[in-house]
């Protein structure tokens, strides 16, 4: 967006809506990050103080990272490629393994996967 003039109305309109999307999306991502860290390291019953400390740590870590390493685009490229790798190659395999585990457990328990509609 730096290639457009600041006096251009269309570019300013797009900048405003990008800002609004970031402003609306950040609290949701922050909430998910805090809950993920809380569940992984502390369990479900966590005091309000720990939740505030986790949130502050996330914010300060991001702030310090952008202050001392201003080339955020390179970092986002690496994180995006790793996330894409996980989504494209790892998740389908894990879903398939989960379905196969359910199928095997159903066969061991004596349940059939497909029950006929009419008894023969």
Protein backbone atom coordinates (compact mmCIF):
# COMPACT_ATOMS: atom_id res chain seq x y z
CA UNK A 1 0.00 0.00 0.00
CA UNK A 2 3.02 2.29 0.17
CA UNK A 3 3.04 2.70 -3.61
CA UNK A 4 -0.22 4.68 -3.53
CA UNK A 5 -0.42 8.33 -2.62
CA UNK A 6 -1.84 9.28 0.76
CA UNK A 7 -4.20 11.65 -1.03
CA UNK A 8 -5.74 8.82 -3.08
CA UNK A 9 -9.25 8.16 -1.74
CA UNK A 10 -9.44 4.51 -2.81
CA UNK A 11 -6.11 3.66 -1.17
CA UNK A 12 -7.16 5.43 2.03
CA UNK A 13 -10.46 3.54 1.97
CA UNK A 14 -8.64 0.20 1.64
CA UNK A 15 -6.14 1.16 4.37
CA UNK A 16 -9.01 2.01 6.71
CA UNK A 17 -10.74 -1.35 6.17
CA UNK A 18 -7.48 -3.27 6.57
CA UNK A 19 -6.99 -1.45 9.87
CA UNK A 20 -10.54 -2.33 10.94
CA UNK A 21 -10.00 -6.00 10.06
CA UNK A 22 -6.82 -6.09 12.15
CA UNK A 23 -8.53 -4.23 14.98
CA UNK A 24 -11.43 -6.69 14.98
CA UNK A 25 -9.33 -9.83 14.53
CA UNK A 26 -6.59 -9.24 17.08
CA UNK A 27 -8.71 -9.76 20.24
CA UNK A 28 -9.93 -13.09 18.88
CA UNK A 29 -6.39 -14.28 18.10
CA UNK A 30 -5.22 -13.04 21.49
CA UNK A 31 -8.03 -14.95 23.23
CA UNK A 32 -7.19 -18.15 21.34
CA UNK A 33 -3.47 -17.80 22.10
CA UNK A 34 -4.04 -17.24 25.81
CA UNK A 35 -6.43 -20.20 26.02
CA UNK A 36 -4.02 -22.45 24.13
CA UNK A 37 -1.12 -21.61 26.43
CA UNK A 38 -3.37 -21.91 29.47
CA UNK A 39 -4.61 -25.38 28.46
CA UNK A 40 -1.18 -26.69 27.45
CA UNK A 41 0.78 -25.57 30.47
CA UNK A 42 -1.60 -24.85 33.34
CA UNK A 43 -4.82 -26.82 32.82
CA UNK A 44 -8.35 -25.48 33.05
CA UNK A 45 -8.43 -23.96 36.54
CA UNK A 46 -6.16 -20.94 36.29
CA UNK A 47 -6.40 -17.78 38.35
CA UNK A 48 -7.22 -14.48 36.72
CA UNK A 49 -3.74 -13.21 37.57
CA UNK A 50 -2.06 -15.97 35.53
CA UNK A 51 -4.34 -15.25 32.57
CA UNK A 52 -3.38 -11.56 32.70
CA UNK A 53 0.32 -12.46 32.96
CA UNK A 54 0.05 -14.82 29.97
CA UNK A 55 -1.70 -12.12 27.92
CA UNK A 56 0.83 -9.47 28.88
CA UNK A 57 3.68 -11.84 28.04
CA UNK A 58 2.21 -12.49 24.59
CA UNK A 59 1.83 -8.76 23.93
CA UNK A 60 5.28 -7.81 25.20
CA UNK A 61 6.94 -10.66 23.29
CA UNK A 62 5.35 -9.53 20.04
CA UNK A 63 6.20 -5.90 20.73
CA UNK A 64 9.85 -6.65 21.53
CA UNK A 65 10.12 -8.88 18.50
CA UNK A 66 8.92 -6.12 16.17
CA UNK A 67 11.12 -3.50 17.84
CA UNK A 68 14.35 -5.49 17.60
CA UNK A 69 13.63 -7.29 14.32
CA UNK A 70 11.67 -4.90 12.11
CA UNK A 71 11.65 -7.21 9.07
CA UNK A 72 8.40 -8.86 10.12
CA UNK A 73 7.54 -9.92 6.58
CA UNK A 74 10.32 -12.52 6.56
CA UNK A 75 9.17 -13.94 9.88
CA UNK A 76 5.56 -14.09 8.70
CA UNK A 77 6.69 -15.89 5.54
CA UNK A 78 8.41 -18.60 7.57
CA UNK A 79 5.50 -19.01 10.00
CA UNK A 80 3.05 -19.08 7.12
CA UNK A 81 5.01 -21.74 5.27
CA UNK A 82 5.26 -23.93 8.39
CA UNK A 83 1.54 -23.48 9.07
CA UNK A 84 0.72 -24.38 5.49
CA UNK A 85 2.93 -27.44 5.73
CA UNK A 86 1.06 -28.58 8.83
CA UNK A 87 -2.36 -27.90 7.34
CA UNK A 88 -1.68 -29.49 3.96
CA UNK A 89 0.46 -32.52 4.82
CA UNK A 90 0.02 -33.36 8.50
CA UNK A 91 -3.66 -32.76 9.29
CA UNK A 92 -5.12 -35.06 6.58
CA UNK A 93 -2.91 -37.90 7.82
CA UNK A 94 -3.96 -37.31 11.42
CA UNK A 95 -7.64 -37.23 10.47
CA UNK A 96 -7.24 -40.47 8.50
CA UNK A 97 -5.46 -42.15 11.42
CA UNK A 98 -8.18 -40.99 13.80
CA UNK A 99 -10.90 -42.44 11.55
CA UNK A 100 -9.01 -45.72 11.22
CA UNK A 101 -8.65 -45.91 15.02
CA UNK A 102 -12.41 -45.43 15.43
CA UNK A 103 -13.08 -48.11 12.83
CA UNK A 104 -10.78 -50.59 14.56
CA UNK A 105 -12.27 -49.83 17.98
CA UNK A 106 -15.79 -50.36 16.60
CA UNK A 107 -14.78 -53.71 15.10
CA UNK A 108 -13.21 -54.84 18.38
CA UNK A 109 -16.33 -53.83 20.33
CA UNK A 110 -18.50 -55.87 17.95
CA UNK A 111 -20.19 -52.96 16.23
CA UNK A 112 -20.44 -52.97 12.49
CA UNK A 113 -19.64 -49.84 10.57
CA UNK A 114 -22.73 -50.08 8.39
CA UNK A 115 -25.80 -51.82 9.73
CA UNK A 116 -28.25 -53.12 7.12
CA UNK A 117 -31.62 -51.41 7.01
CA UNK A 118 -33.47 -54.73 6.58
CA UNK A 119 -32.71 -57.95 8.43
CA UNK A 120 -32.03 -60.81 6.03
